[in-house]
Amino acid sequence: MVEAYDVRPAAREQIISVGAKPVELDLDTGESEGAGGYAKEQGEDFLRRQRELMTAVVAEQDIIITTAAIPGAKSPILVTEDMVVAMKPGSVIVDLAAERGGNCDLTEQGKTVVAHDVTILGPENVPSDLAYHASQMYGKNMQTLLELILDEQGNLNLDFNDEIVAGTVVAHQGNIPHPHMRKLLGLAELVRTARTASCHR
């Protein structure tokens, strides 16, 4: 029995599509998704309420796998020490966000620790440990990206109104369309138009 939780409302359908049960919390998540489909960083009030509601859910699980990461920021704490205390003895947490600070209060990067009779794994560089599958996933992602940005003749066709294109291209024709890079450089937010920019490769 697999349950899954994601702060983005769009993920509910994805969870169901792979046969898992979505965890539903009484939270306003309408503005939780940012560019590129990633979750946006939430305020402390939201995170506090989320942790309160998740405590009962976490206490029922035998294994918890956390993956929450925010590009360019520390991973949010989703599993507090109080939640770990409430878990059943022998439960396991696999914190795949360990390299960005971890989603569990008690995660130690690169280590396996036991706290309150719960085993907490904080693995580093998981793609290297699963190189074959990581390569398969990377190859499929690259194929999908190329199909998105190339037309049928193989020419580059960049539609910056597409959130994937906008979140992938760092610089183009002397401009910087990438939202996070613009923010880091102190540039104003780009206003999107209906035009499509294209050029030959």
N, C-alpha and C. Protein backbone atom coordinates (compact mmCIF):
# COMPACT_ATOMS: atom_id res chain seq x y z
N MET A 1 0.85 -1.19 0.00
CA MET A 1 0.00 0.00 0.00
C MET A 1 0.89 1.24 0.00
N VAL A 2 0.76 2.04 -1.05
CA VAL A 2 1.60 3.21 -1.20
C VAL A 2 0.74 4.47 -1.18
N GLU A 3 1.14 5.41 -0.33
CA GLU A 3 0.49 6.72 -0.31
C GLU A 3 1.54 7.76 -0.69
N ALA A 4 1.11 8.83 -1.33
CA ALA A 4 2.07 9.86 -1.75
C ALA A 4 1.49 11.24 -1.49
N TYR A 5 2.39 12.16 -1.19
CA TYR A 5 1.97 13.54 -0.95
C TYR A 5 2.87 14.49 -1.73
N ASP A 6 2.25 15.47 -2.34
CA ASP A 6 2.97 16.55 -3.02
C ASP A 6 2.17 17.81 -2.82
N VAL A 7 2.85 18.90 -2.54
CA VAL A 7 2.17 20.16 -2.26
C VAL A 7 1.46 20.71 -3.50
N ARG A 8 1.92 20.31 -4.70
CA ARG A 8 1.32 20.82 -5.94
C ARG A 8 0.02 20.08 -6.27
N PRO A 9 -1.09 20.79 -6.47
CA PRO A 9 -2.36 20.13 -6.78
C PRO A 9 -2.28 19.25 -8.02
N ALA A 10 -1.47 19.64 -9.01
CA ALA A 10 -1.37 18.88 -10.27
C ALA A 10 -0.81 17.48 -10.05
N ALA A 11 -0.09 17.28 -8.95
CA ALA A 11 0.53 15.99 -8.69
C ALA A 11 -0.49 14.92 -8.30
N ARG A 12 -1.68 15.33 -7.89
CA ARG A 12 -2.69 14.35 -7.45
C ARG A 12 -2.99 13.34 -8.55
N GLU A 13 -3.19 13.85 -9.75
CA GLU A 13 -3.49 12.98 -10.89
C GLU A 13 -2.30 12.06 -11.20
N GLN A 14 -1.10 12.59 -11.07
CA GLN A 14 0.11 11.79 -11.32
C GLN A 14 0.22 10.66 -10.30
N ILE A 15 -0.08 10.95 -9.05
CA ILE A 15 -0.03 9.94 -7.98
C ILE A 15 -1.01 8.81 -8.29
N ILE A 16 -2.22 9.18 -8.65
CA ILE A 16 -3.24 8.18 -8.96
C ILE A 16 -2.84 7.35 -10.18
N SER A 17 -2.21 8.00 -11.16
CA SER A 17 -1.87 7.30 -12.42
C SER A 17 -0.87 6.17 -12.22
N VAL A 18 -0.09 6.22 -11.14
CA VAL A 18 0.88 5.13 -10.88
C VAL A 18 0.36 4.17 -9.82
N GLY A 19 -0.92 4.30 -9.46
CA GLY A 19 -1.54 3.33 -8.56
C GLY A 19 -1.40 3.63 -7.08
N ALA A 20 -0.94 4.81 -6.74
CA ALA A 20 -0.81 5.17 -5.32
C ALA A 20 -2.03 5.98 -4.87
N LYS A 21 -2.16 6.13 -3.57
CA LYS A 21 -3.27 6.90 -2.99
C LYS A 21 -2.74 8.27 -2.58
N PRO A 22 -3.35 9.35 -3.07
CA PRO A 22 -2.88 10.67 -2.67
C PRO A 22 -3.26 11.00 -1.23
N VAL A 23 -2.33 11.58 -0.50
CA VAL A 23 -2.61 12.07 0.86
C VAL A 23 -3.20 13.46 0.71
N GLU A 24 -4.39 13.66 1.24
CA GLU A 24 -5.10 14.94 1.10
C GLU A 24 -5.04 15.68 2.43
N LEU A 25 -4.48 16.89 2.40
CA LEU A 25 -4.40 17.72 3.60
C LEU A 25 -5.25 18.97 3.39
N ASP A 26 -5.81 19.49 4.46
CA ASP A 26 -6.65 20.69 4.41
C ASP A 26 -5.75 21.93 4.37
N LEU A 27 -5.17 22.18 3.18
CA LEU A 27 -4.26 23.31 3.00
C LEU A 27 -4.59 24.01 1.69
N ASP A 28 -4.37 25.32 1.64
CA ASP A 28 -4.56 26.07 0.39
C ASP A 28 -3.25 25.97 -0.40
N THR A 29 -3.28 25.17 -1.48
CA THR A 29 -2.07 24.93 -2.26
C THR A 29 -2.19 25.51 -3.67
N GLY A 30 -3.12 26.43 -3.88
CA GLY A 30 -3.35 26.99 -5.21
C GLY A 30 -2.14 27.68 -5.82
N GLU A 31 -1.29 28.26 -4.98
CA GLU A 31 -0.12 28.99 -5.49
C GLU A 31 1.18 28.24 -5.19
N SER A 32 1.11 26.93 -5.11
CA SER A 32 2.27 26.16 -4.66
C SER A 32 3.21 25.74 -5.77
N GLU A 33 2.80 25.89 -7.04
CA GLU A 33 3.63 25.44 -8.15
C GLU A 33 4.27 26.61 -8.85
N GLY A 34 5.59 26.51 -9.05
CA GLY A 34 6.33 27.57 -9.72
C GLY A 34 6.71 27.19 -11.14
N ALA A 35 7.68 27.91 -11.69
CA ALA A 35 8.12 27.66 -13.06
C ALA A 35 8.72 26.27 -13.18
N GLY A 36 8.50 25.67 -14.34
CA GLY A 36 9.08 24.37 -14.62
C GLY A 36 8.40 23.22 -13.89
N GLY A 37 7.28 23.51 -13.22
CA GLY A 37 6.57 22.44 -12.53
C GLY A 37 7.09 22.14 -11.14
N TYR A 38 8.11 22.88 -10.69
CA TYR A 38 8.65 22.66 -9.35
C TYR A 38 7.76 23.32 -8.31
N ALA A 39 7.82 22.78 -7.10
CA ALA A 39 7.10 23.41 -5.99
C ALA A 39 7.78 24.72 -5.62
N LYS A 40 6.96 25.72 -5.29
CA LYS A 40 7.50 27.00 -4.83
C LYS A 40 7.79 26.92 -3.33
N GLU A 41 8.76 27.70 -2.91
CA GLU A 41 9.08 27.76 -1.48
C GLU A 41 7.89 28.36 -0.74
N GLN A 42 7.49 27.71 0.36
CA GLN A 42 6.32 28.14 1.12
C GLN A 42 6.74 28.87 2.39
N GLY A 43 5.84 29.70 2.90
CA GLY A 43 6.12 30.44 4.12
C GLY A 43 6.07 29.54 5.35
N GLU A 44 6.59 30.05 6.45
CA GLU A 44 6.69 29.24 7.67
C GLU A 44 5.31 28.87 8.23
N ASP A 45 4.32 29.73 8.09
CA ASP A 45 2.97 29.41 8.58
C ASP A 45 2.40 28.20 7.83
N PHE A 46 2.59 28.19 6.51
CA PHE A 46 2.12 27.06 5.69
C PHE A 46 2.84 25.78 6.11
N LEU A 47 4.17 25.86 6.26
CA LEU A 47 4.95 24.67 6.61
C LEU A 47 4.57 24.14 7.99
N ARG A 48 4.31 25.05 8.94
CA ARG A 48 3.91 24.63 10.28
C ARG A 48 2.59 23.87 10.25
N ARG A 49 1.62 24.42 9.53
CA ARG A 49 0.32 23.76 9.40
C ARG A 49 0.45 22.41 8.67
N GLN A 50 1.28 22.39 7.65
CA GLN A 50 1.51 21.16 6.90
C GLN A 50 2.09 20.08 7.81
N ARG A 51 3.06 20.46 8.63
CA ARG A 51 3.68 19.48 9.54
C ARG A 51 2.67 18.97 10.57
N GLU A 52 1.82 19.86 11.06
CA GLU A 52 0.78 19.44 12.01
C GLU A 52 -0.12 18.36 11.41
N LEU A 53 -0.57 18.60 10.18
CA LEU A 53 -1.47 17.67 9.51
C LEU A 53 -0.78 16.37 9.11
N MET A 54 0.51 16.46 8.81
CA MET A 54 1.25 15.28 8.36
C MET A 54 1.61 14.35 9.50
N THR A 55 1.59 14.83 10.74
CA THR A 55 2.01 14.01 11.88
C THR A 55 1.23 12.72 11.96
N ALA A 56 -0.09 12.79 11.83
CA ALA A 56 -0.93 11.58 11.91
C ALA A 56 -0.67 10.65 10.74
N VAL A 57 -0.41 11.22 9.56
CA VAL A 57 -0.14 10.41 8.36
C VAL A 57 1.18 9.67 8.52
N VAL A 58 2.20 10.39 8.95
CA VAL A 58 3.54 9.81 9.11
C VAL A 58 3.53 8.67 10.13
N ALA A 59 2.76 8.83 11.19
CA ALA A 59 2.73 7.83 12.27
C ALA A 59 2.24 6.47 11.78
N GLU A 60 1.51 6.43 10.68
CA GLU A 60 0.94 5.18 10.16
C GLU A 60 1.86 4.47 9.17
N GLN A 61 2.93 5.13 8.74
CA GLN A 61 3.76 4.57 7.66
C GLN A 61 4.87 3.66 8.20
N ASP A 62 5.20 2.65 7.40
CA ASP A 62 6.34 1.79 7.72
C ASP A 62 7.62 2.32 7.09
N ILE A 63 7.50 2.85 5.88
CA ILE A 63 8.64 3.43 5.16
C ILE A 63 8.21 4.77 4.59
N ILE A 64 9.06 5.77 4.78
CA ILE A 64 8.80 7.09 4.22
C ILE A 64 9.99 7.46 3.33
N ILE A 65 9.70 7.87 2.10
CA ILE A 65 10.74 8.34 1.18
C ILE A 65 10.44 9.80 0.89
N THR A 66 11.37 10.68 1.22
CA THR A 66 11.16 12.11 0.98
C THR A 66 12.07 12.57 -0.16
N THR A 67 11.52 13.48 -0.97
CA THR A 67 12.28 13.97 -2.13
C THR A 67 12.13 15.47 -2.35
N ALA A 68 11.52 16.18 -1.41
CA ALA A 68 11.18 17.59 -1.63
C ALA A 68 12.42 18.46 -1.71
N ALA A 69 12.57 19.11 -2.85
CA ALA A 69 13.70 20.02 -3.05
C ALA A 69 13.19 21.29 -3.73
N ILE A 70 13.79 22.41 -3.42
CA ILE A 70 13.45 23.68 -4.04
C ILE A 70 14.71 24.17 -4.74
N PRO A 71 14.68 24.38 -6.07
CA PRO A 71 15.88 24.81 -6.79
C PRO A 71 16.51 26.04 -6.16
N GLY A 72 17.80 25.94 -5.87
CA GLY A 72 18.55 27.07 -5.33
C GLY A 72 18.32 27.36 -3.87
N ALA A 73 17.63 26.48 -3.16
CA ALA A 73 17.35 26.73 -1.74
C ALA A 73 17.50 25.44 -0.93
N LYS A 74 17.56 25.59 0.40
CA LYS A 74 17.64 24.44 1.28
C LYS A 74 16.33 23.66 1.22
N SER A 75 16.43 22.34 1.31
CA SER A 75 15.23 21.51 1.31
C SER A 75 14.37 21.81 2.53
N PRO A 76 13.04 21.82 2.37
CA PRO A 76 12.17 22.11 3.52
C PRO A 76 12.11 20.92 4.47
N ILE A 77 11.98 21.21 5.76
CA ILE A 77 11.79 20.15 6.76
C ILE A 77 10.34 19.72 6.72
N LEU A 78 10.11 18.46 6.37
CA LEU A 78 8.76 17.91 6.31
C LEU A 78 8.50 16.92 7.43
N VAL A 79 9.55 16.27 7.92
CA VAL A 79 9.42 15.28 8.99
C VAL A 79 10.21 15.78 10.19
N THR A 80 9.49 16.23 11.21
CA THR A 80 10.14 16.76 12.41
C THR A 80 10.53 15.61 13.35
N GLU A 81 11.31 15.95 14.37
CA GLU A 81 11.69 14.93 15.34
C GLU A 81 10.44 14.41 16.07
N ASP A 82 9.47 15.27 16.34
CA ASP A 82 8.22 14.82 16.98
C ASP A 82 7.50 13.78 16.13
N MET A 83 7.53 13.95 14.80
CA MET A 83 6.92 12.97 13.91
C MET A 83 7.66 11.64 13.99
N VAL A 84 8.99 11.72 14.05
CA VAL A 84 9.80 10.49 14.14
C VAL A 84 9.46 9.75 15.43
N VAL A 85 9.31 10.49 16.52
CA VAL A 85 8.96 9.89 17.81
C VAL A 85 7.62 9.14 17.70
N ALA A 86 6.69 9.69 16.91
CA ALA A 86 5.36 9.09 16.78
C ALA A 86 5.34 7.87 15.86
N MET A 87 6.42 7.63 15.12
CA MET A 87 6.44 6.51 14.18
C MET A 87 6.61 5.18 14.90
N LYS A 88 6.21 4.10 14.22
CA LYS A 88 6.31 2.76 14.81
C LYS A 88 7.77 2.34 14.90
N PRO A 89 8.17 1.64 15.96
CA PRO A 89 9.54 1.12 16.05
C PRO A 89 9.85 0.24 14.84
N GLY A 90 11.04 0.41 14.28
CA GLY A 90 11.44 -0.37 13.11
C GLY A 90 11.11 0.30 11.79
N SER A 91 10.43 1.46 11.83
CA SER A 91 10.12 2.20 10.61
C SER A 91 11.41 2.76 9.99
N VAL A 92 11.31 3.11 8.72
CA VAL A 92 12.48 3.59 7.98
C VAL A 92 12.13 4.88 7.24
N ILE A 93 13.06 5.83 7.28
CA ILE A 93 12.95 7.06 6.47
C ILE A 93 14.13 7.08 5.51
N VAL A 94 13.84 7.23 4.22
CA VAL A 94 14.89 7.40 3.21
C VAL A 94 14.79 8.84 2.73
N ASP A 95 15.74 9.66 3.11
CA ASP A 95 15.69 11.10 2.81
C ASP A 95 16.53 11.38 1.57
N LEU A 96 15.89 11.42 0.41
CA LEU A 96 16.60 11.65 -0.85
C LEU A 96 16.94 13.12 -1.06
N ALA A 97 16.56 13.96 -0.12
CA ALA A 97 16.92 15.38 -0.17
C ALA A 97 18.08 15.68 0.77
N ALA A 98 18.78 14.65 1.23
CA ALA A 98 19.83 14.81 2.24
C ALA A 98 20.93 15.78 1.81
N GLU A 99 21.25 15.79 0.52
CA GLU A 99 22.35 16.65 0.06
C GLU A 99 22.00 18.13 0.11
N ARG A 100 20.72 18.47 0.18
CA ARG A 100 20.30 19.87 0.28
C ARG A 100 19.80 20.19 1.67
N GLY A 101 20.26 19.45 2.68
CA GLY A 101 19.89 19.72 4.06
C GLY A 101 18.90 18.72 4.62
N GLY A 102 18.20 18.00 3.73
CA GLY A 102 17.29 16.95 4.18
C GLY A 102 15.89 17.42 4.48
N ASN A 103 14.93 16.51 4.32
CA ASN A 103 13.53 16.79 4.64
C ASN A 103 13.17 16.34 6.04
N CYS A 104 14.07 15.62 6.70
CA CYS A 104 13.84 15.16 8.07
C CYS A 104 14.79 15.88 9.01
N ASP A 105 14.27 16.30 10.15
CA ASP A 105 15.07 16.99 11.17
C ASP A 105 16.33 16.21 11.55
N LEU A 106 16.24 14.89 11.54
CA LEU A 106 17.31 14.05 12.08
C LEU A 106 18.22 13.45 11.01
N THR A 107 18.02 13.81 9.76
CA THR A 107 18.86 13.29 8.68
C THR A 107 20.29 13.79 8.84
N GLU A 108 21.24 12.88 8.62
CA GLU A 108 22.66 13.24 8.57
C GLU A 108 23.16 12.85 7.19
N GLN A 109 23.63 13.82 6.43
CA GLN A 109 24.05 13.59 5.06
C GLN A 109 25.12 12.51 4.97
N GLY A 110 24.86 11.53 4.11
CA GLY A 110 25.83 10.47 3.88
C GLY A 110 25.87 9.41 4.96
N LYS A 111 24.93 9.45 5.91
CA LYS A 111 24.96 8.50 7.03
C LYS A 111 23.60 7.81 7.20
N THR A 112 23.64 6.67 7.87
CA THR A 112 22.43 6.00 8.32
C THR A 112 22.42 6.08 9.84
N VAL A 113 21.38 6.66 10.39
CA VAL A 113 21.29 6.82 11.84
C VAL A 113 20.01 6.17 12.35
N VAL A 114 20.02 5.78 13.60
CA VAL A 114 18.82 5.26 14.25
C VAL A 114 18.45 6.22 15.37
N ALA A 115 17.23 6.72 15.32
CA ALA A 115 16.75 7.65 16.34
C ALA A 115 15.33 7.28 16.70
N HIS A 116 15.05 7.14 17.98
CA HIS A 116 13.71 6.79 18.47
C HIS A 116 13.21 5.50 17.80
N ASP A 117 14.13 4.55 17.63
CA ASP A 117 13.82 3.24 17.02
C ASP A 117 13.41 3.34 15.54
N VAL A 118 13.76 4.45 14.90
CA VAL A 118 13.50 4.64 13.47
C VAL A 118 14.83 4.78 12.75
N THR A 119 15.01 4.04 11.65
CA THR A 119 16.25 4.13 10.86
C THR A 119 16.08 5.22 9.82
N ILE A 120 17.04 6.15 9.77
CA ILE A 120 16.98 7.30 8.86
C ILE A 120 18.20 7.28 7.95
N LEU A 121 17.96 7.11 6.65
CA LEU A 121 19.03 7.09 5.67
C LEU A 121 19.16 8.45 5.00
N GLY A 122 20.38 8.95 4.90
CA GLY A 122 20.65 10.22 4.22
C GLY A 122 21.62 10.03 3.08
N PRO A 123 21.25 9.28 2.03
CA PRO A 123 22.20 8.94 0.97
C PRO A 123 22.68 10.15 0.18
N GLU A 124 23.92 10.04 -0.31
CA GLU A 124 24.50 11.07 -1.16
C GLU A 124 24.61 10.54 -2.58
N ASN A 125 24.48 11.40 -3.55
CA ASN A 125 24.72 11.10 -4.96
C ASN A 125 24.05 9.80 -5.40
N VAL A 126 22.76 9.71 -5.19
CA VAL A 126 22.00 8.51 -5.54
C VAL A 126 22.15 8.11 -7.01
N PRO A 127 22.18 9.07 -7.96
CA PRO A 127 22.34 8.66 -9.36
C PRO A 127 23.59 7.81 -9.62
N SER A 128 24.68 8.06 -8.87
CA SER A 128 25.89 7.27 -9.06
C SER A 128 25.71 5.84 -8.55
N ASP A 129 24.90 5.68 -7.50
CA ASP A 129 24.64 4.33 -6.98
C ASP A 129 23.69 3.55 -7.88
N LEU A 130 22.90 4.27 -8.65
CA LEU A 130 21.94 3.63 -9.56
C LEU A 130 22.23 4.11 -10.98
N ALA A 131 23.48 3.94 -11.39
CA ALA A 131 23.96 4.56 -12.64
C ALA A 131 23.17 4.10 -13.87
N TYR A 132 22.83 2.82 -13.95
CA TYR A 132 22.13 2.31 -15.12
C TYR A 132 20.76 2.98 -15.27
N HIS A 133 19.99 2.98 -14.18
CA HIS A 133 18.65 3.57 -14.24
C HIS A 133 18.72 5.10 -14.35
N ALA A 134 19.72 5.70 -13.71
CA ALA A 134 19.88 7.15 -13.82
C ALA A 134 20.18 7.53 -15.26
N SER A 135 21.00 6.74 -15.94
CA SER A 135 21.33 7.00 -17.34
C SER A 135 20.10 6.84 -18.23
N GLN A 136 19.30 5.80 -17.95
CA GLN A 136 18.06 5.60 -18.70
C GLN A 136 17.14 6.82 -18.56
N MET A 137 16.99 7.28 -17.33
CA MET A 137 16.11 8.41 -17.07
C MET A 137 16.64 9.68 -17.74
N TYR A 138 17.95 9.89 -17.64
CA TYR A 138 18.57 11.07 -18.24
C TYR A 138 18.38 11.04 -19.77
N GLY A 139 18.63 9.86 -20.36
CA GLY A 139 18.47 9.73 -21.81
C GLY A 139 17.05 10.00 -22.25
N LYS A 140 16.07 9.48 -21.52
CA LYS A 140 14.66 9.70 -21.86
C LYS A 140 14.30 11.17 -21.72
N ASN A 141 14.81 11.81 -20.66
CA ASN A 141 14.53 13.25 -20.46
C ASN A 141 15.13 14.08 -21.59
N MET A 142 16.35 13.73 -22.03
CA MET A 142 17.00 14.48 -23.11
C MET A 142 16.23 14.29 -24.42
N GLN A 143 15.77 13.06 -24.68
CA GLN A 143 14.98 12.80 -25.88
C GLN A 143 13.71 13.64 -25.88
N THR A 144 13.02 13.66 -24.74
CA THR A 144 11.78 14.43 -24.62
C THR A 144 12.03 15.92 -24.81
N LEU A 145 13.14 16.42 -24.24
CA LEU A 145 13.48 17.84 -24.38
C LEU A 145 13.76 18.18 -25.84
N LEU A 146 14.53 17.33 -26.53
CA LEU A 146 14.85 17.59 -27.94
C LEU A 146 13.60 17.58 -28.80
N GLU A 147 12.67 16.67 -28.50
CA GLU A 147 11.41 16.63 -29.25
C GLU A 147 10.60 17.90 -29.03
N LEU A 148 10.79 18.53 -27.88
CA LEU A 148 10.07 19.76 -27.56
C LEU A 148 10.66 20.97 -28.27
N ILE A 149 11.98 21.04 -28.36
CA ILE A 149 12.63 22.27 -28.86
C ILE A 149 13.06 22.19 -30.33
N LEU A 150 12.91 21.02 -30.97
CA LEU A 150 13.24 20.90 -32.39
C LEU A 150 11.97 20.67 -33.20
N ASP A 151 11.90 21.31 -34.38
CA ASP A 151 10.75 21.03 -35.24
C ASP A 151 11.01 19.77 -36.06
N GLU A 152 10.09 19.43 -36.96
CA GLU A 152 10.20 18.18 -37.71
C GLU A 152 11.42 18.15 -38.63
N GLN A 153 11.93 19.33 -39.00
CA GLN A 153 13.13 19.39 -39.85
C GLN A 153 14.42 19.41 -39.02
N GLY A 154 14.29 19.37 -37.71
CA GLY A 154 15.47 19.38 -36.85
C GLY A 154 15.99 20.77 -36.53
N ASN A 155 15.20 21.79 -36.82
CA ASN A 155 15.60 23.17 -36.52
C ASN A 155 15.16 23.55 -35.11
N LEU A 156 15.99 24.36 -34.45
CA LEU A 156 15.69 24.82 -33.10
C LEU A 156 14.47 25.72 -33.12
N ASN A 157 13.49 25.45 -32.28
CA ASN A 157 12.25 26.22 -32.24
C ASN A 157 11.89 26.43 -30.77
N LEU A 158 12.26 27.57 -30.22
CA LEU A 158 12.10 27.83 -28.79
C LEU A 158 10.87 28.68 -28.51
N ASP A 159 9.91 28.11 -27.80
CA ASP A 159 8.71 28.83 -27.39
C ASP A 159 8.87 29.17 -25.91
N PHE A 160 9.21 30.41 -25.61
CA PHE A 160 9.49 30.80 -24.23
C PHE A 160 8.22 30.95 -23.38
N ASN A 161 7.06 30.76 -23.99
CA ASN A 161 5.83 30.69 -23.20
C ASN A 161 5.62 29.30 -22.63
N ASP A 162 6.40 28.34 -23.11
CA ASP A 162 6.37 26.98 -22.57
C ASP A 162 7.24 26.97 -21.31
N GLU A 163 6.66 26.53 -20.17
CA GLU A 163 7.38 26.62 -18.90
C GLU A 163 8.64 25.76 -18.88
N ILE A 164 8.66 24.67 -19.63
CA ILE A 164 9.86 23.83 -19.68
C ILE A 164 10.98 24.55 -20.41
N VAL A 165 10.65 25.16 -21.56
CA VAL A 165 11.65 25.92 -22.31
C VAL A 165 12.15 27.09 -21.47
N ALA A 166 11.22 27.83 -20.89
CA ALA A 166 11.59 29.00 -20.09
C ALA A 166 12.46 28.62 -18.90
N GLY A 167 12.25 27.43 -18.34
CA GLY A 167 13.02 26.99 -17.19
C GLY A 167 14.30 26.27 -17.54
N THR A 168 14.55 26.07 -18.85
CA THR A 168 15.73 25.32 -19.30
C THR A 168 16.78 26.21 -19.94
N VAL A 169 16.33 27.16 -20.77
CA VAL A 169 17.27 28.00 -21.51
C VAL A 169 17.78 29.12 -20.61
N VAL A 170 19.09 29.17 -20.43
CA VAL A 170 19.69 30.18 -19.55
C VAL A 170 19.89 31.50 -20.29
N ALA A 171 20.42 31.45 -21.52
CA ALA A 171 20.66 32.67 -22.30
C ALA A 171 20.31 32.40 -23.76
N HIS A 172 19.76 33.43 -24.43
CA HIS A 172 19.35 33.27 -25.83
C HIS A 172 19.35 34.63 -26.51
N GLN A 173 20.10 34.74 -27.60
CA GLN A 173 20.16 35.96 -28.41
C GLN A 173 20.40 37.22 -27.56
N GLY A 174 21.35 37.14 -26.66
CA GLY A 174 21.72 38.28 -25.84
C GLY A 174 20.80 38.56 -24.66
N ASN A 175 19.80 37.72 -24.47
CA ASN A 175 18.88 37.91 -23.36
C ASN A 175 18.98 36.73 -22.40
N ILE A 176 18.45 36.89 -21.19
CA ILE A 176 18.46 35.82 -20.19
C ILE A 176 17.00 35.52 -19.84
N PRO A 177 16.40 34.50 -20.49
CA PRO A 177 14.99 34.21 -20.22
C PRO A 177 14.75 33.37 -18.97
N HIS A 178 15.80 32.77 -18.41
CA HIS A 178 15.64 31.86 -17.27
C HIS A 178 15.27 32.64 -16.00
N PRO A 179 14.06 32.40 -15.42
CA PRO A 179 13.58 33.21 -14.29
C PRO A 179 14.51 33.22 -13.08
N HIS A 180 15.03 32.06 -12.69
CA HIS A 180 15.89 32.00 -11.50
C HIS A 180 17.21 32.71 -11.75
N MET A 181 17.77 32.55 -12.96
CA MET A 181 19.02 33.23 -13.30
C MET A 181 18.83 34.75 -13.31
N ARG A 182 17.67 35.21 -13.81
CA ARG A 182 17.38 36.64 -13.80
C ARG A 182 17.32 37.16 -12.36
N LYS A 183 16.71 36.38 -11.50
CA LYS A 183 16.60 36.79 -10.09
C LYS A 183 17.98 36.89 -9.45
N LEU A 184 18.84 35.89 -9.73
CA LEU A 184 20.20 35.90 -9.17
C LEU A 184 21.01 37.09 -9.66
N LEU A 185 20.75 37.51 -10.91
CA LEU A 185 21.48 38.63 -11.51
C LEU A 185 20.85 39.98 -11.22
N GLY A 186 19.72 39.97 -10.48
CA GLY A 186 19.05 41.22 -10.13
C GLY A 186 18.31 41.85 -11.30
N LEU A 187 17.89 41.04 -12.28
CA LEU A 187 17.17 41.55 -13.44
C LEU A 187 15.66 41.47 -13.19
N ALA A 188 14.92 42.35 -13.85
CA ALA A 188 13.46 42.36 -13.70
C ALA A 188 12.86 41.09 -14.29
N GLU A 189 11.69 40.73 -13.78
CA GLU A 189 10.99 39.56 -14.30
C GLU A 189 10.60 39.80 -15.74
N LEU A 190 10.79 38.78 -16.58
CA LEU A 190 10.51 38.89 -18.01
C LEU A 190 9.01 38.84 -18.26
N VAL A 191 8.52 39.70 -19.13
CA VAL A 191 7.11 39.68 -19.53
C VAL A 191 6.99 38.76 -20.73
N ARG A 192 6.15 37.73 -20.63
CA ARG A 192 5.98 36.77 -21.71
C ARG A 192 5.02 37.32 -22.77
N THR A 193 5.34 37.04 -24.04
CA THR A 193 4.44 37.40 -25.14
C THR A 193 4.00 36.13 -25.85
N ALA A 194 3.12 36.30 -26.81
CA ALA A 194 2.61 35.14 -27.55
C ALA A 194 3.54 34.73 -28.67
N ARG A 195 4.63 35.50 -28.91
CA ARG A 195 5.53 35.18 -30.00
C ARG A 195 6.38 33.97 -29.69
N THR A 196 6.83 33.30 -30.74
CA THR A 196 7.75 32.17 -30.60
C THR A 196 9.07 32.56 -31.23
N ALA A 197 10.14 32.45 -30.48
CA ALA A 197 11.46 32.74 -31.01
C ALA A 197 12.02 31.47 -31.64
N SER A 198 12.63 31.60 -32.81
CA SER A 198 13.21 30.41 -33.43
C SER A 198 14.50 30.78 -34.13
N CYS A 199 15.38 29.80 -34.26
CA CYS A 199 16.62 30.00 -35.00
C CYS A 199 17.10 28.62 -35.44
N HIS A 200 18.04 28.61 -36.40
CA HIS A 200 18.59 27.34 -36.88
C HIS A 200 19.74 26.93 -36.00
N ARG A 201 19.89 25.62 -35.82
CA ARG A 201 20.99 25.15 -34.98
C ARG A 201 22.27 25.12 -35.77
